[in-house]
Amino acid sequence: MDGRRMTDMIPRVSKEIVGFAVQNTVDVIGLKDLLGIRCRTGTSSTHHSWAFFELQSFIEYKAREKGISTVSIDPAYTSQPCPRCNHISKNNRRRK
């Protein structure tokens, strides 16, 4: 994705996320700590790292304007629980 489209997309996505939180009376938005995500996935790009940081910054700023807190969450194992009941089982995951 080119830089111009990314620059346009980040404010829109952050607005939608915070808007969803407002509509659903959410008090806190949890943001995974994505620092170094490209290193963990085998892809390296400062541009991509900046995009994650920028999106997180926009969400934090817009949430603060609406009185919503944000917390940073360690991403380790967060994809394992069932999104409906939080049960953790290897059967929850069809692939890596």
PDB file of N, CA and C in Angstrom:
ATOM      1  N   MET A   1       0.854  -1.169   0.000  1.00  0.00           N
ATOM      2  CA  MET A   1       0.000   0.000   0.000  1.00  0.00           C
ATOM      3  C   MET A   1       0.898   1.229   0.000  1.00  0.00           C
ATOM      4  N   ASP A   2       0.584   2.165  -0.857  1.00  0.00           N
ATOM      5  CA  ASP A   2       1.433   3.351  -0.924  1.00  0.00           C
ATOM      6  C   ASP A   2       1.168   4.273   0.266  1.00  0.00           C
ATOM      7  N   GLY A   3       2.123   5.168   0.526  1.00  0.00           N
ATOM      8  CA  GLY A   3       2.067   6.056   1.682  1.00  0.00           C
ATOM      9  C   GLY A   3       0.861   6.961   1.720  1.00  0.00           C
ATOM     10  N   ARG A   4       0.431   7.409   0.535  1.00  0.00           N
ATOM     11  CA  ARG A   4      -0.712   8.322   0.481  1.00  0.00           C
ATOM     12  C   ARG A   4      -2.001   7.630   0.927  1.00  0.00           C
ATOM     13  N   ARG A   5      -2.202   6.406   0.471  1.00  0.00           N
ATOM     14  CA  ARG A   5      -3.413   5.680   0.881  1.00  0.00           C
ATOM     15  C   ARG A   5      -3.369   5.350   2.367  1.00  0.00           C
ATOM     16  N   MET A   6      -2.165   5.012   2.865  1.00  0.00           N
ATOM     17  CA  MET A   6      -2.008   4.717   4.286  1.00  0.00           C
ATOM     18  C   MET A   6      -2.327   5.964   5.103  1.00  0.00           C
ATOM     19  N   THR A   7      -1.845   7.110   4.655  1.00  0.00           N
ATOM     20  CA  THR A   7      -2.094   8.372   5.346  1.00  0.00           C
ATOM     21  C   THR A   7      -3.587   8.681   5.394  1.00  0.00           C
ATOM     22  N   ASP A   8      -4.319   8.335   4.347  1.00  0.00           N
ATOM     23  CA  ASP A   8      -5.766   8.549   4.319  1.00  0.00           C
ATOM     24  C   ASP A   8      -6.508   7.521   5.172  1.00  0.00           C
ATOM     25  N   MET A   9      -6.004   6.302   5.197  1.00  0.00           N
ATOM     26  CA  MET A   9      -6.712   5.216   5.857  1.00  0.00           C
ATOM     27  C   MET A   9      -6.598   5.270   7.389  1.00  0.00           C
ATOM     28  N   ILE A  10      -5.454   5.611   7.910  1.00  0.00           N
ATOM     29  CA  ILE A  10      -5.246   5.574   9.364  1.00  0.00           C
ATOM     30  C   ILE A  10      -6.239   6.459  10.118  1.00  0.00           C
ATOM     31  N   PRO A  11      -6.470   7.714   9.731  1.00  0.00           N
ATOM     32  CA  PRO A  11      -7.469   8.510  10.454  1.00  0.00           C
ATOM     33  C   PRO A  11      -8.889   7.920  10.355  1.00  0.00           C
ATOM     34  N   ARG A  12      -9.226   7.359   9.204  1.00  0.00           N
ATOM     35  CA  ARG A  12     -10.567   6.777   9.048  1.00  0.00           C
ATOM     36  C   ARG A  12     -10.748   5.549   9.936  1.00  0.00           C
ATOM     37  N   VAL A  13      -9.738   4.675   9.948  1.00  0.00           N
ATOM     38  CA  VAL A  13      -9.826   3.454  10.752  1.00  0.00           C
ATOM     39  C   VAL A  13      -9.891   3.808  12.233  1.00  0.00           C
ATOM     40  N   SER A  14      -9.048   4.736  12.670  1.00  0.00           N
ATOM     41  CA  SER A  14      -9.060   5.118  14.083  1.00  0.00           C
ATOM     42  C   SER A  14     -10.404   5.735  14.467  1.00  0.00           C
ATOM     43  N   LYS A  15     -10.977   6.525  13.585  1.00  0.00           N
ATOM     44  CA  LYS A  15     -12.286   7.131  13.851  1.00  0.00           C
ATOM     45  C   LYS A  15     -13.366   6.061  13.980  1.00  0.00           C
ATOM     46  N   GLU A  16     -13.313   5.053  13.123  1.00  0.00           N
ATOM     47  CA  GLU A  16     -14.290   3.964  13.195  1.00  0.00           C
ATOM     48  C   GLU A  16     -14.151   3.166  14.483  1.00  0.00           C
ATOM     49  N   ILE A  17     -12.916   2.889  14.893  1.00  0.00           N
ATOM     50  CA  ILE A  17     -12.685   2.128  16.122  1.00  0.00           C
ATOM     51  C   ILE A  17     -13.214   2.888  17.326  1.00  0.00           C
ATOM     52  N   VAL A  18     -12.883   4.163  17.429  1.00  0.00           N
ATOM     53  CA  VAL A  18     -13.346   4.967  18.558  1.00  0.00           C
ATOM     54  C   VAL A  18     -14.864   5.165  18.472  1.00  0.00           C
ATOM     55  N   GLY A  19     -15.386   5.350  17.268  1.00  0.00           N
ATOM     56  CA  GLY A  19     -16.835   5.469  17.094  1.00  0.00           C
ATOM     57  C   GLY A  19     -17.569   4.222  17.559  1.00  0.00           C
ATOM     58  N   PHE A  20     -17.018   3.062  17.254  1.00  0.00           N
ATOM     59  CA  PHE A  20     -17.602   1.794  17.711  1.00  0.00           C
ATOM     60  C   PHE A  20     -17.603   1.739  19.235  1.00  0.00           C
ATOM     61  N   ALA A  21     -16.489   2.164  19.832  1.00  0.00           N
ATOM     62  CA  ALA A  21     -16.398   2.171  21.294  1.00  0.00           C
ATOM     63  C   ALA A  21     -17.444   3.095  21.904  1.00  0.00           C
ATOM     64  N   VAL A  22     -17.624   4.269  21.318  1.00  0.00           N
ATOM     65  CA  VAL A  22     -18.615   5.228  21.813  1.00  0.00           C
ATOM     66  C   VAL A  22     -20.023   4.642  21.700  1.00  0.00           C
ATOM     67  N   GLN A  23     -20.352   4.077  20.543  1.00  0.00           N
ATOM     68  CA  GLN A  23     -21.691   3.507  20.323  1.00  0.00           C
ATOM     69  C   GLN A  23     -21.997   2.364  21.278  1.00  0.00           C
ATOM     70  N   ASN A  24     -20.966   1.643  21.680  1.00  0.00           N
ATOM     71  CA  ASN A  24     -21.163   0.481  22.544  1.00  0.00           C
ATOM     72  C   ASN A  24     -20.789   0.763  24.000  1.00  0.00           C
ATOM     73  N   THR A  25     -20.716   2.032  24.344  1.00  0.00           N
ATOM     74  CA  THR A  25     -20.384   2.503  25.691  1.00  0.00           C
ATOM     75  C   THR A  25     -19.193   1.750  26.307  1.00  0.00           C
ATOM     76  N   VAL A  26     -18.129   1.691  25.543  1.00  0.00           N
ATOM     77  CA  VAL A  26     -16.894   1.057  25.994  1.00  0.00           C
ATOM     78  C   VAL A  26     -16.080   2.084  26.778  1.00  0.00           C
ATOM     79  N   ASP A  27     -15.554   1.680  27.929  1.00  0.00           N
ATOM     80  CA  ASP A  27     -14.768   2.578  28.775  1.00  0.00           C
ATOM     81  C   ASP A  27     -13.279   2.527  28.464  1.00  0.00           C
ATOM     82  N   VAL A  28     -12.813   1.363  27.983  1.00  0.00           N
ATOM     83  CA  VAL A  28     -11.384   1.161  27.756  1.00  0.00           C
ATOM     84  C   VAL A  28     -11.183   0.416  26.437  1.00  0.00           C
ATOM     85  N   ILE A  29     -10.230   0.897  25.650  1.00  0.00           N
ATOM     86  CA  ILE A  29      -9.848   0.209  24.419  1.00  0.00           C
ATOM     87  C   ILE A  29      -8.488  -0.429  24.662  1.00  0.00           C
ATOM     88  N   GLY A  30      -8.394  -1.733  24.489  1.00  0.00           N
ATOM     89  CA  GLY A  30      -7.135  -2.449  24.643  1.00  0.00           C
ATOM     90  C   GLY A  30      -6.398  -2.478  23.311  1.00  0.00           C
ATOM     91  N   LEU A  31      -5.154  -2.055  23.314  1.00  0.00           N
ATOM     92  CA  LEU A  31      -4.326  -2.043  22.118  1.00  0.00           C
ATOM     93  C   LEU A  31      -3.145  -2.977  22.331  1.00  0.00           C
ATOM     94  N   LYS A  32      -2.973  -3.913  21.421  1.00  0.00           N
ATOM     95  CA  LYS A  32      -1.823  -4.803  21.521  1.00  0.00           C
ATOM     96  C   LYS A  32      -0.552  -4.003  21.299  1.00  0.00           C
ATOM     97  N   ASP A  33       0.467  -4.331  22.066  1.00  0.00           N
ATOM     98  CA  ASP A  33       1.770  -3.701  21.885  1.00  0.00           C
ATOM     99  C   ASP A  33       2.408  -4.320  20.652  1.00  0.00           C
ATOM    100  N   LEU A  34       2.349  -3.628  19.530  1.00  0.00           N
ATOM    101  CA  LEU A  34       2.827  -4.155  18.258  1.00  0.00           C
ATOM    102  C   LEU A  34       4.247  -3.724  17.927  1.00  0.00           C
ATOM    103  N   LEU A  35       4.946  -3.172  18.915  1.00  0.00           N
ATOM    104  CA  LEU A  35       6.327  -2.777  18.701  1.00  0.00           C
ATOM    105  C   LEU A  35       7.138  -4.003  18.272  1.00  0.00           C
ATOM    106  N   GLY A  36       7.801  -3.892  17.157  1.00  0.00           N
ATOM    107  CA  GLY A  36       8.624  -4.985  16.654  1.00  0.00           C
ATOM    108  C   GLY A  36       7.862  -6.072  15.929  1.00  0.00           C
ATOM    109  N   ILE A  37       6.605  -5.826  15.553  1.00  0.00           N
ATOM    110  CA  ILE A  37       5.809  -6.866  14.902  1.00  0.00           C
ATOM    111  C   ILE A  37       6.443  -7.338  13.595  1.00  0.00           C
ATOM    112  N   ARG A  38       7.045  -6.457  12.853  1.00  0.00           N
ATOM    113  CA  ARG A  38       7.662  -6.866  11.592  1.00  0.00           C
ATOM    114  C   ARG A  38       8.871  -7.757  11.833  1.00  0.00           C
ATOM    115  N   CYS A  39       9.550  -7.547  12.941  1.00  0.00           N
ATOM    116  CA  CYS A  39      10.691  -8.407  13.272  1.00  0.00           C
ATOM    117  C   CYS A  39      10.199  -9.817  13.591  1.00  0.00           C
ATOM    118  N   ARG A  40       9.070  -9.923  14.287  1.00  0.00           N
ATOM    119  CA  ARG A  40       8.528 -11.232  14.655  1.00  0.00           C
ATOM    120  C   ARG A  40       7.961 -11.967  13.457  1.00  0.00           C
ATOM    121  N   THR A  41       7.505 -11.240  12.446  1.00  0.00           N
ATOM    122  CA  THR A  41       6.885 -11.887  11.300  1.00  0.00           C
ATOM    123  C   THR A  41       7.861 -12.108  10.157  1.00  0.00           C
ATOM    124  N   GLY A  42       9.093 -11.664  10.329  1.00  0.00           N
ATOM    125  CA  GLY A  42      10.097 -11.884   9.295  1.00  0.00           C
ATOM    126  C   GLY A  42      10.141 -10.809   8.228  1.00  0.00           C
ATOM    127  N   THR A  43       9.324  -9.783   8.345  1.00  0.00           N
ATOM    128  CA  THR A  43       9.331  -8.673   7.403  1.00  0.00           C
ATOM    129  C   THR A  43       9.897  -7.469   8.129  1.00  0.00           C
ATOM    130  N   SER A  44      10.721  -6.716   7.468  1.00  0.00           N
ATOM    131  CA  SER A  44      11.310  -5.565   8.133  1.00  0.00           C
ATOM    132  C   SER A  44      11.056  -4.302   7.320  1.00  0.00           C
ATOM    133  N   SER A  45      10.379  -3.348   7.929  1.00  0.00           N
ATOM    134  CA  SER A  45      10.144  -2.081   7.258  1.00  0.00           C
ATOM    135  C   SER A  45       9.796  -1.021   8.281  1.00  0.00           C
ATOM    136  N   THR A  46      10.547   0.030   8.294  1.00  0.00           N
ATOM    137  CA  THR A  46      10.267   1.143   9.191  1.00  0.00           C
ATOM    138  C   THR A  46       8.907   1.742   8.878  1.00  0.00           C
ATOM    139  N   HIS A  47       8.551   1.776   7.573  1.00  0.00           N
ATOM    140  CA  HIS A  47       7.264   2.339   7.161  1.00  0.00           C
ATOM    141  C   HIS A  47       6.108   1.600   7.824  1.00  0.00           C
ATOM    142  N   HIS A  48       6.157   0.272   7.825  1.00  0.00           N
ATOM    143  CA  HIS A  48       5.073  -0.510   8.427  1.00  0.00           C
ATOM    144  C   HIS A  48       5.029  -0.312   9.940  1.00  0.00           C
ATOM    145  N   SER A  49       6.190  -0.289  10.582  1.00  0.00           N
ATOM    146  CA  SER A  49       6.234  -0.060  12.021  1.00  0.00           C
ATOM    147  C   SER A  49       5.639   1.300  12.353  1.00  0.00           C
ATOM    148  N   TRP A  50       5.955   2.286  11.517  1.00  0.00           N
ATOM    149  CA  TRP A  50       5.413   3.620  11.735  1.00  0.00           C
ATOM    150  C   TRP A  50       3.893   3.612  11.586  1.00  0.00           C
ATOM    151  N   ALA A  51       3.371   2.851  10.640  1.00  0.00           N
ATOM    152  CA  ALA A  51       1.923   2.798  10.441  1.00  0.00           C
ATOM    153  C   ALA A  51       1.226   2.253  11.682  1.00  0.00           C
ATOM    154  N   PHE A  52       1.772   1.209  12.296  1.00  0.00           N
ATOM    155  CA  PHE A  52       1.178   0.674  13.519  1.00  0.00           C
ATOM    156  C   PHE A  52       1.223   1.722  14.624  1.00  0.00           C
ATOM    157  N   PHE A  53       2.362   2.364  14.772  1.00  0.00           N
ATOM    158  CA  PHE A  53       2.517   3.396  15.796  1.00  0.00           C
ATOM    159  C   PHE A  53       1.549   4.548  15.556  1.00  0.00           C
ATOM    160  N   GLU A  54       1.441   4.959  14.297  1.00  0.00           N
ATOM    161  CA  GLU A  54       0.558   6.081  13.968  1.00  0.00           C
ATOM    162  C   GLU A  54      -0.904   5.729  14.237  1.00  0.00           C
ATOM    163  N   LEU A  55      -1.321   4.526  13.855  1.00  0.00           N
ATOM    164  CA  LEU A  55      -2.701   4.100  14.118  1.00  0.00           C
ATOM    165  C   LEU A  55      -2.967   4.083  15.614  1.00  0.00           C
ATOM    166  N   GLN A  56      -2.043   3.524  16.379  1.00  0.00           N
ATOM    167  CA  GLN A  56      -2.208   3.482  17.824  1.00  0.00           C
ATOM    168  C   GLN A  56      -2.305   4.896  18.399  1.00  0.00           C
ATOM    169  N   SER A  57      -1.458   5.797  17.922  1.00  0.00           N
ATOM    170  CA  SER A  57      -1.476   7.184  18.403  1.00  0.00           C
ATOM    171  C   SER A  57      -2.800   7.872  18.090  1.00  0.00           C
ATOM    172  N   PHE A  58      -3.312   7.656  16.884  1.00  0.00           N
ATOM    173  CA  PHE A  58      -4.596   8.251  16.502  1.00  0.00           C
ATOM    174  C   PHE A  58      -5.723   7.703  17.374  1.00  0.00           C
ATOM    175  N   ILE A  59      -5.731   6.402  17.615  1.00  0.00           N
ATOM    176  CA  ILE A  59      -6.773   5.800  18.451  1.00  0.00           C
ATOM    177  C   ILE A  59      -6.698   6.382  19.866  1.00  0.00           C
ATOM    178  N   GLU A  60      -5.485   6.458  20.420  1.00  0.00           N
ATOM    179  CA  GLU A  60      -5.326   7.001  21.772  1.00  0.00           C
ATOM    180  C   GLU A  60      -5.817   8.439  21.854  1.00  0.00           C
ATOM    181  N   TYR A  61      -5.458   9.248  20.867  1.00  0.00           N
ATOM    182  CA  TYR A  61      -5.847  10.663  20.846  1.00  0.00           C
ATOM    183  C   TYR A  61      -7.368  10.813  20.747  1.00  0.00           C
ATOM    184  N   LYS A  62      -7.975  10.099  19.799  1.00  0.00           N
ATOM    185  CA  LYS A  62      -9.419  10.227  19.596  1.00  0.00           C
ATOM    186  C   LYS A  62     -10.206   9.640  20.760  1.00  0.00           C
ATOM    187  N   ALA A  63      -9.692   8.568  21.356  1.00  0.00           N
ATOM    188  CA  ALA A  63     -10.356   7.973  22.516  1.00  0.00           C
ATOM    189  C   ALA A  63     -10.314   8.944  23.697  1.00  0.00           C
ATOM    190  N   ARG A  64      -9.165   9.555  23.909  1.00  0.00           N
ATOM    191  CA  ARG A  64      -9.017  10.522  25.003  1.00  0.00           C
ATOM    192  C   ARG A  64     -10.014  11.670  24.852  1.00  0.00           C
ATOM    193  N   GLU A  65     -10.222  12.134  23.606  1.00  0.00           N
ATOM    194  CA  GLU A  65     -11.204  13.203  23.353  1.00  0.00           C
ATOM    195  C   GLU A  65     -12.606  12.802  23.782  1.00  0.00           C
ATOM    196  N   LYS A  66     -12.912  11.506  23.692  1.00  0.00           N
ATOM    197  CA  LYS A  66     -14.246  11.004  24.034  1.00  0.00           C
ATOM    198  C   LYS A  66     -14.330  10.485  25.463  1.00  0.00           C
ATOM    199  N   GLY A  67     -13.240  10.636  26.228  1.00  0.00           N
ATOM    200  CA  GLY A  67     -13.244  10.174  27.618  1.00  0.00           C
ATOM    201  C   GLY A  67     -13.053   8.677  27.757  1.00  0.00           C
ATOM    202  N   ILE A  68     -12.473   8.046  26.757  1.00  0.00           N
ATOM    203  CA  ILE A  68     -12.230   6.606  26.775  1.00  0.00           C
ATOM    204  C   ILE A  68     -10.743   6.380  27.020  1.00  0.00           C
ATOM    205  N   SER A  69     -10.440   5.481  27.928  1.00  0.00           N
ATOM    206  CA  SER A  69      -9.054   5.144  28.231  1.00  0.00           C
ATOM    207  C   SER A  69      -8.531   4.113  27.230  1.00  0.00           C
ATOM    208  N   THR A  70      -7.219   4.053  27.098  1.00  0.00           N
ATOM    209  CA  THR A  70      -6.584   2.999  26.301  1.00  0.00           C
ATOM    210  C   THR A  70      -5.539   2.324  27.178  1.00  0.00           C
ATOM    211  N   VAL A  71      -5.381   1.021  26.974  1.00  0.00           N
ATOM    212  CA  VAL A  71      -4.357   0.265  27.691  1.00  0.00           C
ATOM    213  C   VAL A  71      -3.568  -0.544  26.679  1.00  0.00           C
ATOM    214  N   SER A  72      -2.306  -0.729  26.973  1.00  0.00           N
ATOM    215  CA  SER A  72      -1.429  -1.529  26.124  1.00  0.00           C
ATOM    216  C   SER A  72      -1.442  -2.957  26.649  1.00  0.00           C
ATOM    217  N   ILE A  73      -1.627  -3.911  25.747  1.00  0.00           N
ATOM    218  CA  ILE A  73      -1.741  -5.316  26.119  1.00  0.00           C
ATOM    219  C   ILE A  73      -0.631  -6.109  25.449  1.00  0.00           C
ATOM    220  N   ASP A  74      -0.004  -6.996  26.202  1.00  0.00           N
ATOM    221  CA  ASP A  74       0.999  -7.888  25.639  1.00  0.00           C
ATOM    222  C   ASP A  74       0.292  -8.835  24.664  1.00  0.00           C
ATOM    223  N   PRO A  75       0.735  -8.889  23.397  1.00  0.00           N
ATOM    224  CA  PRO A  75       0.024  -9.693  22.403  1.00  0.00           C
ATOM    225  C   PRO A  75       0.231 -11.205  22.537  1.00  0.00           C
ATOM    226  N   ALA A  76       1.127 -11.631  23.410  1.00  0.00           N
ATOM    227  CA  ALA A  76       1.394 -13.062  23.545  1.00  0.00           C
ATOM    228  C   ALA A  76       0.127 -13.822  23.920  1.00  0.00           C
ATOM    229  N   TYR A  77      -0.206 -14.802  23.140  1.00  0.00           N
ATOM    230  CA  TYR A  77      -1.316 -15.736  23.376  1.00  0.00           C
ATOM    231  C   TYR A  77      -2.711 -15.124  23.257  1.00  0.00           C
ATOM    232  N   THR A  78      -2.823 -13.886  22.803  1.00  0.00           N
ATOM    233  CA  THR A  78      -4.149 -13.261  22.750  1.00  0.00           C
ATOM    234  C   THR A  78      -5.036 -13.830  21.645  1.00  0.00           C
ATOM    235  N   SER A  79      -4.462 -14.549  20.692  1.00  0.00           N
ATOM    236  CA  SER A  79      -5.288 -15.105  19.625  1.00  0.00           C
ATOM    237  C   SER A  79      -5.767 -16.523  19.950  1.00  0.00           C
ATOM    238  N   GLN A  80      -5.384 -17.070  21.085  1.00  0.00           N
ATOM    239  CA  GLN A  80      -5.764 -18.440  21.415  1.00  0.00           C
ATOM    240  C   GLN A  80      -7.171 -18.594  21.979  1.00  0.00           C
ATOM    241  N   PRO A  81      -7.645 -17.689  22.828  1.00  0.00           N
ATOM    242  CA  PRO A  81      -8.984 -17.889  23.390  1.00  0.00           C
ATOM    243  C   PRO A  81     -10.083 -17.737  22.339  1.00  0.00           C
ATOM    244  N   CYS A  82     -11.151 -18.486  22.553  1.00  0.00           N
ATOM    245  CA  CYS A  82     -12.342 -18.332  21.723  1.00  0.00           C
ATOM    246  C   CYS A  82     -12.874 -16.921  21.942  1.00  0.00           C
ATOM    247  N   PRO A  83     -13.181 -16.186  20.864  1.00  0.00           N
ATOM    248  CA  PRO A  83     -13.661 -14.811  21.037  1.00  0.00           C
ATOM    249  C   PRO A  83     -15.039 -14.724  21.697  1.00  0.00           C
ATOM    250  N   ARG A  84     -15.766 -15.823  21.725  1.00  0.00           N
ATOM    251  CA  ARG A  84     -17.110 -15.790  22.331  1.00  0.00           C
ATOM    252  C   ARG A  84     -17.107 -16.156  23.809  1.00  0.00           C
ATOM    253  N   CYS A  85     -16.326 -17.199  24.169  1.00  0.00           N
ATOM    254  CA  CYS A  85     -16.408 -17.700  25.548  1.00  0.00           C
ATOM    255  C   CYS A  85     -15.081 -17.671  26.297  1.00  0.00           C
ATOM    256  N   ASN A  86     -13.991 -17.287  25.620  1.00  0.00           N
ATOM    257  CA  ASN A  86     -12.650 -17.214  26.200  1.00  0.00           C
ATOM    258  C   ASN A  86     -12.028 -18.565  26.541  1.00  0.00           C
ATOM    259  N   HIS A  87     -12.663 -19.669  26.140  1.00  0.00           N
ATOM    260  CA  HIS A  87     -12.075 -20.989  26.359  1.00  0.00           C
ATOM    261  C   HIS A  87     -10.841 -21.142  25.472  1.00  0.00           C
ATOM    262  N   ILE A  88      -9.769 -21.716  26.027  1.00  0.00           N
ATOM    263  CA  ILE A  88      -8.546 -21.926  25.257  1.00  0.00           C
ATOM    264  C   ILE A  88      -8.369 -23.416  24.992  1.00  0.00           C
ATOM    265  N   SER A  89      -8.263 -23.753  23.722  1.00  0.00           N
ATOM    266  CA  SER A  89      -8.053 -25.129  23.309  1.00  0.00           C
ATOM    267  C   SER A  89      -7.368 -25.127  21.962  1.00  0.00           C
ATOM    268  N   LYS A  90      -6.512 -26.117  21.714  1.00  0.00           N
ATOM    269  CA  LYS A  90      -5.876 -26.205  20.403  1.00  0.00           C
ATOM    270  C   LYS A  90      -6.917 -26.402  19.308  1.00  0.00           C
ATOM    271  N   ASN A  91      -8.072 -26.913  19.663  1.00  0.00           N
ATOM    272  CA  ASN A  91      -9.158 -27.097  18.665  1.00  0.00           C
ATOM    273  C   ASN A  91      -9.752 -25.770  18.214  1.00  0.00           C
ATOM    274  N   ASN A  92      -9.504 -24.691  18.947  1.00  0.00           N
ATOM    275  CA  ASN A  92      -9.992 -23.370  18.556  1.00  0.00           C
ATOM    276  C   ASN A  92      -9.281 -22.865  17.309  1.00  0.00           C
ATOM    277  N   ARG A  93      -8.089 -23.405  17.071  1.00  0.00           N
ATOM    278  CA  ARG A  93      -7.248 -22.884  15.998  1.00  0.00           C
ATOM    279  C   ARG A  93      -7.137 -23.923  14.900  1.00  0.00           C
ATOM    280  N   ARG A  94      -7.558 -23.561  13.709  1.00  0.00           N
ATOM    281  CA  ARG A  94      -7.481 -24.471  12.570  1.00  0.00           C
ATOM    282  C   ARG A  94      -6.101 -24.517  11.947  1.00  0.00           C
ATOM    283  N   ARG A  95      -5.328 -23.467  12.171  1.00  0.00           N
ATOM    284  CA  ARG A  95      -3.979 -23.392  11.625  1.00  0.00           C
ATOM    285  C   ARG A  95      -3.120 -22.539  12.543  1.00  0.00           C
ATOM    286  N   LYS A  96      -1.830 -22.471  12.235  1.00  0.00           N
ATOM    287  CA  LYS A  96      -0.942 -21.633  13.058  1.00  0.00           C
ATOM    288  C   LYS A  96      -1.359 -20.196  13.015  1.00  0.00           C
TER     289      LYS A  96
END
